[in-house]
Amino acid sequence: MYKDPHLNIKPKELELRGGAYYSDAACEVINAIYNDKQAEHYVNIPHHGHIDNIPADWAIEVTAILGKDGAKPHPRLTHFDEKVLGLIHTIKGFEIAASQAAISGEFNDALLAMNLTPLVLSDKDAEVLTREMLLAHKAHLPNFAHAIAQLAASN
C-alpha cells in the first residue's frame, strides 16, 4: 500500500494496530521543536541528573518542554517518591537486560530479560514466551540466528 505514490490519506489498517495515534503525537513534537513552541509533551529523554534519586545516565519518560533547543524535563519533577522507586528500578533492570540481550543474541540473556519484567509471572512462562518470540520474529533478529537455529532444531 505504501508503494502507491498517489496515496494521500492514512490507511485504515493503521487504526487497527496499537499506537494508531503515535503519528499525530510525532508531528506535534516535530512542530513544537521546529517552531519553538515551548509546548509540553511526554517524551523519552536522557535526564542528565534532573531526577536526583536515579542514575544520571538513565533515559526517562516525562513531561518535557519542547522548543528549538530540544527537550527540557518539566521543572516540577526532580525527585521520585520512594514508593515508586522499586518499580522504576525493576522496569529499568528489564530494559537494560533486554538491550544487552539484543546485542549479545544469547538465549539466556533474552530469558533473563523476560524473567525481569513484572508482566511475566513465572520462569516457565518466561521460557515459553522467549522461545515463541524468538522463533516468531527470527527474520528481524539476526543477532539471535544461532540461538534460533538451536531452538528450531530442538522442536
N, C-alpha and C. Protein backbone atom coordinates (compact mmCIF):
# COMPACT_ATOMS: atom_id res chain seq x y z
N MET A 1 0.81 -1.19 0.00
CA MET A 1 0.00 0.00 0.00
C MET A 1 0.86 1.26 0.00
N TYR A 2 2.02 1.23 0.69
CA TYR A 2 2.87 2.42 0.77
C TYR A 2 3.64 2.66 -0.52
N LYS A 3 3.63 1.70 -1.42
CA LYS A 3 4.32 1.87 -2.70
C LYS A 3 3.53 2.77 -3.64
N ASP A 4 2.25 2.99 -3.36
CA ASP A 4 1.39 3.80 -4.21
C ASP A 4 1.74 5.28 -4.03
N PRO A 5 2.33 5.92 -5.06
CA PRO A 5 2.72 7.32 -4.92
C PRO A 5 1.53 8.27 -4.82
N HIS A 6 0.33 7.79 -5.14
CA HIS A 6 -0.87 8.63 -5.10
C HIS A 6 -1.59 8.55 -3.76
N LEU A 7 -1.11 7.71 -2.86
CA LEU A 7 -1.73 7.58 -1.54
C LEU A 7 -1.54 8.89 -0.77
N ASN A 8 -2.64 9.53 -0.42
CA ASN A 8 -2.53 10.80 0.29
C ASN A 8 -3.42 10.85 1.54
N ILE A 9 -3.85 9.68 1.98
CA ILE A 9 -4.61 9.58 3.23
C ILE A 9 -4.01 8.46 4.07
N LYS A 10 -4.25 8.54 5.35
CA LYS A 10 -3.74 7.50 6.25
C LYS A 10 -4.55 6.23 6.02
N PRO A 11 -3.89 5.11 5.72
CA PRO A 11 -4.61 3.85 5.50
C PRO A 11 -5.38 3.42 6.75
N LYS A 12 -6.59 2.90 6.56
CA LYS A 12 -7.43 2.44 7.68
C LYS A 12 -6.74 1.36 8.49
N GLU A 13 -5.88 0.55 7.86
CA GLU A 13 -5.18 -0.53 8.57
C GLU A 13 -4.37 0.00 9.75
N LEU A 14 -3.88 1.22 9.63
CA LEU A 14 -3.09 1.79 10.72
C LEU A 14 -3.91 1.97 12.00
N GLU A 15 -5.21 2.18 11.85
CA GLU A 15 -6.07 2.36 13.02
C GLU A 15 -6.35 1.04 13.73
N LEU A 16 -6.06 -0.08 13.08
CA LEU A 16 -6.35 -1.39 13.65
C LEU A 16 -5.22 -1.92 14.53
N ARG A 17 -4.07 -1.31 14.44
CA ARG A 17 -2.94 -1.78 15.24
C ARG A 17 -2.71 -0.84 16.41
N GLY A 18 -1.94 -1.30 17.35
CA GLY A 18 -1.61 -0.46 18.50
C GLY A 18 -0.82 0.76 18.08
N GLY A 19 -0.96 1.83 18.82
CA GLY A 19 -0.20 3.04 18.52
C GLY A 19 -0.74 3.83 17.35
N ALA A 20 -2.04 3.72 17.10
CA ALA A 20 -2.64 4.35 15.93
C ALA A 20 -2.42 5.86 15.89
N TYR A 21 -2.27 6.50 17.03
CA TYR A 21 -2.16 7.96 17.05
C TYR A 21 -0.75 8.46 17.35
N TYR A 22 0.23 7.57 17.35
CA TYR A 22 1.61 7.99 17.57
C TYR A 22 2.09 8.92 16.46
N SER A 23 1.58 8.74 15.25
CA SER A 23 2.00 9.63 14.16
C SER A 23 1.55 11.06 14.43
N ASP A 24 0.34 11.22 15.00
CA ASP A 24 -0.12 12.57 15.35
C ASP A 24 0.78 13.17 16.42
N ALA A 25 1.09 12.37 17.44
CA ALA A 25 1.96 12.85 18.52
C ALA A 25 3.34 13.22 17.98
N ALA A 26 3.86 12.40 17.07
CA ALA A 26 5.18 12.67 16.49
C ALA A 26 5.17 14.00 15.73
N CYS A 27 4.11 14.25 14.98
CA CYS A 27 4.01 15.52 14.24
C CYS A 27 3.92 16.70 15.19
N GLU A 28 3.20 16.54 16.30
CA GLU A 28 3.11 17.62 17.29
C GLU A 28 4.48 17.90 17.93
N VAL A 29 5.24 16.84 18.19
CA VAL A 29 6.58 17.01 18.76
C VAL A 29 7.49 17.73 17.76
N ILE A 30 7.46 17.31 16.51
CA ILE A 30 8.27 17.95 15.47
C ILE A 30 7.89 19.43 15.35
N ASN A 31 6.60 19.71 15.34
CA ASN A 31 6.11 21.08 15.25
C ASN A 31 6.60 21.92 16.43
N ALA A 32 6.53 21.36 17.63
CA ALA A 32 6.95 22.09 18.83
C ALA A 32 8.43 22.44 18.78
N ILE A 33 9.24 21.51 18.30
CA ILE A 33 10.69 21.76 18.21
C ILE A 33 10.99 22.75 17.08
N TYR A 34 10.47 22.47 15.90
CA TYR A 34 10.77 23.29 14.73
C TYR A 34 10.31 24.74 14.90
N ASN A 35 9.11 24.91 15.47
CA ASN A 35 8.53 26.25 15.62
C ASN A 35 8.74 26.84 17.01
N ASP A 36 9.62 26.23 17.80
CA ASP A 36 9.97 26.72 19.14
C ASP A 36 8.72 27.05 19.96
N LYS A 37 7.80 26.07 20.03
CA LYS A 37 6.51 26.28 20.70
C LYS A 37 6.60 26.32 22.22
N GLN A 38 7.67 25.78 22.80
CA GLN A 38 7.78 25.67 24.26
C GLN A 38 6.53 24.96 24.80
N ALA A 39 6.18 23.85 24.15
CA ALA A 39 4.97 23.09 24.49
C ALA A 39 5.33 21.86 25.31
N GLU A 40 4.39 21.43 26.16
CA GLU A 40 4.58 20.24 26.98
C GLU A 40 4.21 18.98 26.20
N HIS A 41 5.09 17.99 26.25
CA HIS A 41 4.84 16.68 25.64
C HIS A 41 5.50 15.62 26.50
N TYR A 42 4.93 14.41 26.47
CA TYR A 42 5.60 13.27 27.10
C TYR A 42 6.61 12.72 26.12
N VAL A 43 7.86 12.65 26.53
CA VAL A 43 8.93 12.15 25.66
C VAL A 43 9.92 11.34 26.49
N ASN A 44 10.68 10.51 25.81
CA ASN A 44 11.78 9.78 26.43
C ASN A 44 13.05 10.59 26.19
N ILE A 45 13.72 10.94 27.27
CA ILE A 45 14.91 11.77 27.17
C ILE A 45 15.96 11.33 28.18
N PRO A 46 17.24 11.58 27.88
CA PRO A 46 18.25 11.41 28.93
C PRO A 46 18.04 12.54 29.93
N HIS A 47 18.02 12.22 31.21
CA HIS A 47 17.68 13.28 32.17
C HIS A 47 18.90 13.99 32.75
N HIS A 48 20.09 13.43 32.55
CA HIS A 48 21.34 14.09 32.95
C HIS A 48 21.31 14.60 34.40
N GLY A 49 20.73 13.81 35.29
CA GLY A 49 20.73 14.18 36.70
C GLY A 49 19.58 15.06 37.13
N HIS A 50 18.64 15.36 36.25
CA HIS A 50 17.49 16.20 36.62
C HIS A 50 16.68 15.55 37.74
N ILE A 51 16.55 14.22 37.70
CA ILE A 51 15.89 13.49 38.78
C ILE A 51 17.01 13.08 39.74
N ASP A 52 16.93 13.51 40.97
CA ASP A 52 18.07 13.37 41.87
C ASP A 52 18.25 11.99 42.51
N ASN A 53 17.28 11.09 42.36
CA ASN A 53 17.45 9.80 43.05
C ASN A 53 17.42 8.59 42.11
N ILE A 54 17.81 8.81 40.86
CA ILE A 54 18.08 7.70 39.93
C ILE A 54 19.38 8.03 39.19
N PRO A 55 20.05 7.01 38.63
CA PRO A 55 21.31 7.28 37.94
C PRO A 55 21.16 8.32 36.82
N ALA A 56 22.12 9.20 36.72
CA ALA A 56 22.08 10.33 35.78
C ALA A 56 22.10 9.90 34.32
N ASP A 57 22.59 8.68 34.04
CA ASP A 57 22.69 8.26 32.64
C ASP A 57 21.44 7.52 32.16
N TRP A 58 20.43 7.39 32.99
CA TRP A 58 19.20 6.73 32.57
C TRP A 58 18.34 7.66 31.71
N ALA A 59 17.66 7.08 30.73
CA ALA A 59 16.63 7.80 29.99
C ALA A 59 15.33 7.66 30.78
N ILE A 60 14.51 8.68 30.71
CA ILE A 60 13.23 8.65 31.43
C ILE A 60 12.13 9.14 30.50
N GLU A 61 10.89 8.70 30.77
CA GLU A 61 9.74 9.22 30.04
C GLU A 61 9.03 10.19 30.97
N VAL A 62 9.05 11.46 30.60
CA VAL A 62 8.48 12.50 31.44
C VAL A 62 7.86 13.60 30.58
N THR A 63 7.10 14.45 31.25
CA THR A 63 6.65 15.66 30.59
C THR A 63 7.86 16.57 30.43
N ALA A 64 8.04 17.06 29.22
CA ALA A 64 9.16 17.96 28.95
C ALA A 64 8.64 19.15 28.15
N ILE A 65 9.36 20.24 28.26
CA ILE A 65 9.06 21.43 27.47
C ILE A 65 9.90 21.33 26.20
N LEU A 66 9.23 21.37 25.03
CA LEU A 66 9.92 21.20 23.76
C LEU A 66 9.99 22.53 23.01
N GLY A 67 11.17 22.81 22.49
CA GLY A 67 11.38 24.00 21.68
C GLY A 67 12.62 23.83 20.83
N LYS A 68 13.09 24.91 20.25
CA LYS A 68 14.22 24.84 19.32
C LYS A 68 15.50 24.30 19.96
N ASP A 69 15.60 24.39 21.28
CA ASP A 69 16.78 23.88 21.98
C ASP A 69 16.59 22.45 22.47
N GLY A 70 15.53 21.79 22.02
CA GLY A 70 15.30 20.40 22.39
C GLY A 70 14.31 20.24 23.52
N ALA A 71 14.46 19.16 24.27
CA ALA A 71 13.54 18.82 25.35
C ALA A 71 14.19 19.10 26.70
N LYS A 72 13.46 19.78 27.53
CA LYS A 72 13.93 20.04 28.90
C LYS A 72 12.89 19.46 29.85
N PRO A 73 13.31 18.57 30.76
CA PRO A 73 12.35 17.97 31.70
C PRO A 73 11.58 19.06 32.44
N HIS A 74 10.29 18.81 32.64
CA HIS A 74 9.47 19.79 33.36
C HIS A 74 10.07 20.03 34.74
N PRO A 75 10.19 21.29 35.14
CA PRO A 75 10.86 21.58 36.41
C PRO A 75 10.13 21.08 37.66
N ARG A 76 8.85 20.73 37.55
CA ARG A 76 8.13 20.31 38.75
C ARG A 76 8.56 18.92 39.24
N LEU A 77 9.18 18.14 38.37
CA LEU A 77 9.59 16.79 38.75
C LEU A 77 11.10 16.72 38.85
N THR A 78 11.61 16.59 40.07
CA THR A 78 13.05 16.47 40.27
C THR A 78 13.41 15.30 41.17
N HIS A 79 12.41 14.61 41.69
CA HIS A 79 12.65 13.54 42.66
C HIS A 79 11.49 12.55 42.57
N PHE A 80 11.81 11.25 42.49
CA PHE A 80 10.76 10.23 42.50
C PHE A 80 10.46 9.84 43.94
N ASP A 81 9.20 9.70 44.25
CA ASP A 81 8.76 9.24 45.56
C ASP A 81 9.32 7.84 45.81
N GLU A 82 9.78 7.59 47.01
CA GLU A 82 10.37 6.29 47.35
C GLU A 82 9.41 5.13 47.11
N LYS A 83 8.11 5.39 47.18
CA LYS A 83 7.12 4.32 46.99
C LYS A 83 7.12 3.78 45.56
N VAL A 84 7.61 4.55 44.60
CA VAL A 84 7.63 4.08 43.22
C VAL A 84 9.02 3.68 42.74
N LEU A 85 10.04 3.94 43.53
CA LEU A 85 11.41 3.64 43.09
C LEU A 85 11.64 2.16 42.82
N GLY A 86 11.02 1.28 43.60
CA GLY A 86 11.19 -0.16 43.36
C GLY A 86 10.73 -0.55 41.97
N LEU A 87 9.55 -0.09 41.58
CA LEU A 87 9.02 -0.40 40.25
C LEU A 87 9.90 0.23 39.17
N ILE A 88 10.34 1.45 39.38
CA ILE A 88 11.21 2.11 38.40
C ILE A 88 12.49 1.31 38.20
N HIS A 89 13.10 0.87 39.27
CA HIS A 89 14.33 0.07 39.16
C HIS A 89 14.06 -1.28 38.51
N THR A 90 12.91 -1.88 38.79
CA THR A 90 12.55 -3.16 38.16
C THR A 90 12.42 -3.00 36.65
N ILE A 91 11.69 -1.99 36.22
CA ILE A 91 11.49 -1.76 34.79
C ILE A 91 12.81 -1.41 34.12
N LYS A 92 13.62 -0.57 34.75
CA LYS A 92 14.91 -0.21 34.15
C LYS A 92 15.82 -1.43 34.06
N GLY A 93 15.77 -2.31 35.07
CA GLY A 93 16.55 -3.55 35.01
C GLY A 93 16.15 -4.40 33.82
N PHE A 94 14.84 -4.49 33.58
CA PHE A 94 14.34 -5.22 32.41
C PHE A 94 14.84 -4.57 31.13
N GLU A 95 14.74 -3.24 31.03
CA GLU A 95 15.17 -2.54 29.82
C GLU A 95 16.65 -2.75 29.54
N ILE A 96 17.47 -2.68 30.58
CA ILE A 96 18.91 -2.89 30.42
C ILE A 96 19.19 -4.32 29.98
N ALA A 97 18.54 -5.29 30.63
CA ALA A 97 18.74 -6.70 30.27
C ALA A 97 18.27 -6.97 28.85
N ALA A 98 17.15 -6.39 28.45
CA ALA A 98 16.64 -6.60 27.08
C ALA A 98 17.59 -5.99 26.06
N SER A 99 18.15 -4.83 26.37
CA SER A 99 19.11 -4.20 25.46
C SER A 99 20.37 -5.05 25.32
N GLN A 100 20.85 -5.57 26.44
CA GLN A 100 22.04 -6.42 26.40
C GLN A 100 21.76 -7.71 25.63
N ALA A 101 20.55 -8.26 25.78
CA ALA A 101 20.18 -9.46 25.03
C ALA A 101 20.15 -9.18 23.54
N ALA A 102 19.61 -8.04 23.16
CA ALA A 102 19.54 -7.69 21.74
C ALA A 102 20.93 -7.61 21.12
N ILE A 103 21.89 -7.15 21.90
CA ILE A 103 23.26 -7.05 21.40
C ILE A 103 23.95 -8.41 21.38
N SER A 104 23.80 -9.18 22.44
CA SER A 104 24.51 -10.47 22.54
C SER A 104 23.91 -11.55 21.66
N GLY A 105 22.59 -11.52 21.50
CA GLY A 105 21.92 -12.58 20.75
C GLY A 105 21.87 -13.91 21.49
N GLU A 106 22.12 -13.88 22.77
CA GLU A 106 22.13 -15.11 23.58
C GLU A 106 20.74 -15.39 24.14
N PHE A 107 20.31 -16.65 24.01
CA PHE A 107 19.00 -17.05 24.53
C PHE A 107 18.89 -16.75 26.02
N ASN A 108 19.91 -17.10 26.79
CA ASN A 108 19.84 -16.90 28.24
C ASN A 108 19.74 -15.42 28.63
N ASP A 109 20.33 -14.54 27.83
CA ASP A 109 20.19 -13.11 28.10
C ASP A 109 18.75 -12.65 27.84
N ALA A 110 18.15 -13.16 26.76
CA ALA A 110 16.75 -12.83 26.48
C ALA A 110 15.83 -13.40 27.55
N LEU A 111 16.14 -14.61 28.00
CA LEU A 111 15.35 -15.25 29.06
C LEU A 111 15.44 -14.45 30.36
N LEU A 112 16.62 -13.97 30.69
CA LEU A 112 16.77 -13.14 31.89
C LEU A 112 15.90 -11.89 31.78
N ALA A 113 15.95 -11.22 30.64
CA ALA A 113 15.13 -10.02 30.45
C ALA A 113 13.65 -10.35 30.61
N MET A 114 13.22 -11.45 30.02
CA MET A 114 11.81 -11.84 30.13
C MET A 114 11.44 -12.14 31.58
N ASN A 115 12.34 -12.74 32.32
CA ASN A 115 12.08 -13.03 33.73
C ASN A 115 12.02 -11.76 34.58
N LEU A 116 12.68 -10.71 34.15
CA LEU A 116 12.71 -9.48 34.94
C LEU A 116 11.47 -8.61 34.77
N THR A 117 10.74 -8.78 33.68
CA THR A 117 9.55 -7.94 33.50
C THR A 117 8.45 -8.37 34.46
N PRO A 118 7.81 -7.41 35.13
CA PRO A 118 6.73 -7.78 36.05
C PRO A 118 5.48 -8.29 35.34
N LEU A 119 5.46 -8.23 34.03
CA LEU A 119 4.30 -8.71 33.28
C LEU A 119 4.33 -10.22 33.09
N VAL A 120 5.48 -10.84 33.33
CA VAL A 120 5.61 -12.30 33.22
C VAL A 120 5.70 -12.85 34.63
N LEU A 121 4.81 -13.78 34.94
CA LEU A 121 4.63 -14.19 36.33
C LEU A 121 5.36 -15.45 36.76
N SER A 122 5.99 -16.17 35.81
CA SER A 122 6.70 -17.38 36.22
C SER A 122 7.88 -17.64 35.30
N ASP A 123 8.84 -18.41 35.81
CA ASP A 123 10.00 -18.80 34.99
C ASP A 123 9.56 -19.60 33.78
N LYS A 124 8.59 -20.48 33.97
CA LYS A 124 8.09 -21.32 32.88
C LYS A 124 7.48 -20.45 31.78
N ASP A 125 6.63 -19.49 32.18
CA ASP A 125 6.04 -18.57 31.19
C ASP A 125 7.12 -17.78 30.46
N ALA A 126 8.13 -17.34 31.19
CA ALA A 126 9.22 -16.57 30.58
C ALA A 126 9.94 -17.40 29.52
N GLU A 127 10.18 -18.67 29.83
CA GLU A 127 10.87 -19.53 28.87
C GLU A 127 10.01 -19.78 27.63
N VAL A 128 8.74 -20.06 27.83
CA VAL A 128 7.83 -20.30 26.70
C VAL A 128 7.74 -19.04 25.83
N LEU A 129 7.55 -17.89 26.46
CA LEU A 129 7.44 -16.63 25.71
C LEU A 129 8.73 -16.30 24.96
N THR A 130 9.86 -16.50 25.60
CA THR A 130 11.13 -16.21 24.94
C THR A 130 11.31 -17.09 23.71
N ARG A 131 11.06 -18.38 23.85
CA ARG A 131 11.16 -19.30 22.71
C ARG A 131 10.22 -18.88 21.58
N GLU A 132 8.95 -18.66 21.93
CA GLU A 132 7.95 -18.32 20.91
C GLU A 132 8.28 -17.00 20.22
N MET A 133 8.71 -16.01 20.98
CA MET A 133 9.01 -14.71 20.38
C MET A 133 10.23 -14.77 19.46
N LEU A 134 11.26 -15.49 19.88
CA LEU A 134 12.44 -15.61 19.03
C LEU A 134 12.11 -16.33 17.73
N LEU A 135 11.36 -17.42 17.82
CA LEU A 135 11.00 -18.17 16.62
C LEU A 135 10.07 -17.37 15.71
N ALA A 136 9.11 -16.68 16.30
CA ALA A 136 8.13 -15.93 15.50
C ALA A 136 8.75 -14.72 14.80
N HIS A 137 9.80 -14.16 15.38
CA HIS A 137 10.37 -12.92 14.84
C HIS A 137 11.80 -13.10 14.34
N LYS A 138 12.14 -14.32 13.95
CA LYS A 138 13.52 -14.63 13.57
C LYS A 138 14.02 -13.75 12.42
N ALA A 139 13.15 -13.38 11.51
CA ALA A 139 13.58 -12.55 10.37
C ALA A 139 14.08 -11.18 10.82
N HIS A 140 13.67 -10.75 11.99
CA HIS A 140 14.04 -9.43 12.48
C HIS A 140 15.10 -9.47 13.59
N LEU A 141 15.61 -10.66 13.87
CA LEU A 141 16.54 -10.82 14.99
C LEU A 141 17.83 -11.50 14.55
N PRO A 142 18.60 -10.86 13.66
CA PRO A 142 19.80 -11.51 13.14
C PRO A 142 20.83 -11.86 14.22
N ASN A 143 20.90 -11.10 15.28
CA ASN A 143 21.86 -11.42 16.35
C ASN A 143 21.52 -12.72 17.06
N PHE A 144 20.28 -13.14 16.96
CA PHE A 144 19.84 -14.37 17.61
C PHE A 144 19.85 -15.57 16.66
N ALA A 145 20.46 -15.45 15.49
CA ALA A 145 20.41 -16.53 14.49
C ALA A 145 20.87 -17.86 15.07
N HIS A 146 21.96 -17.87 15.81
CA HIS A 146 22.47 -19.12 16.38
C HIS A 146 21.49 -19.69 17.40
N ALA A 147 20.99 -18.85 18.29
CA ALA A 147 20.04 -19.30 19.31
C ALA A 147 18.76 -19.81 18.68
N ILE A 148 18.29 -19.12 17.63
CA ILE A 148 17.06 -19.53 16.96
C ILE A 148 17.26 -20.86 16.24
N ALA A 149 18.43 -21.04 15.62
CA ALA A 149 18.72 -22.32 14.95
C ALA A 149 18.69 -23.46 15.96
N GLN A 150 19.24 -23.24 17.14
CA GLN A 150 19.21 -24.27 18.18
C GLN A 150 17.79 -24.55 18.64
N LEU A 151 16.98 -23.51 18.77
CA LEU A 151 15.58 -23.70 19.16
C LEU A 151 14.82 -24.49 18.10
N ALA A 152 15.02 -24.12 16.85
CA ALA A 152 14.33 -24.80 15.75
C ALA A 152 14.73 -26.27 15.68
N ALA A 153 16.00 -26.56 15.93
CA ALA A 153 16.48 -27.94 15.89
C ALA A 153 15.92 -28.77 17.03
N SER A 154 15.64 -28.12 18.16
CA SER A 154 15.13 -28.87 19.31
C SER A 154 13.62 -29.06 19.28
N ASN A 155 12.93 -28.41 18.35
CA ASN A 155 11.46 -28.56 18.25
C ASN A 155 11.07 -29.70 17.37
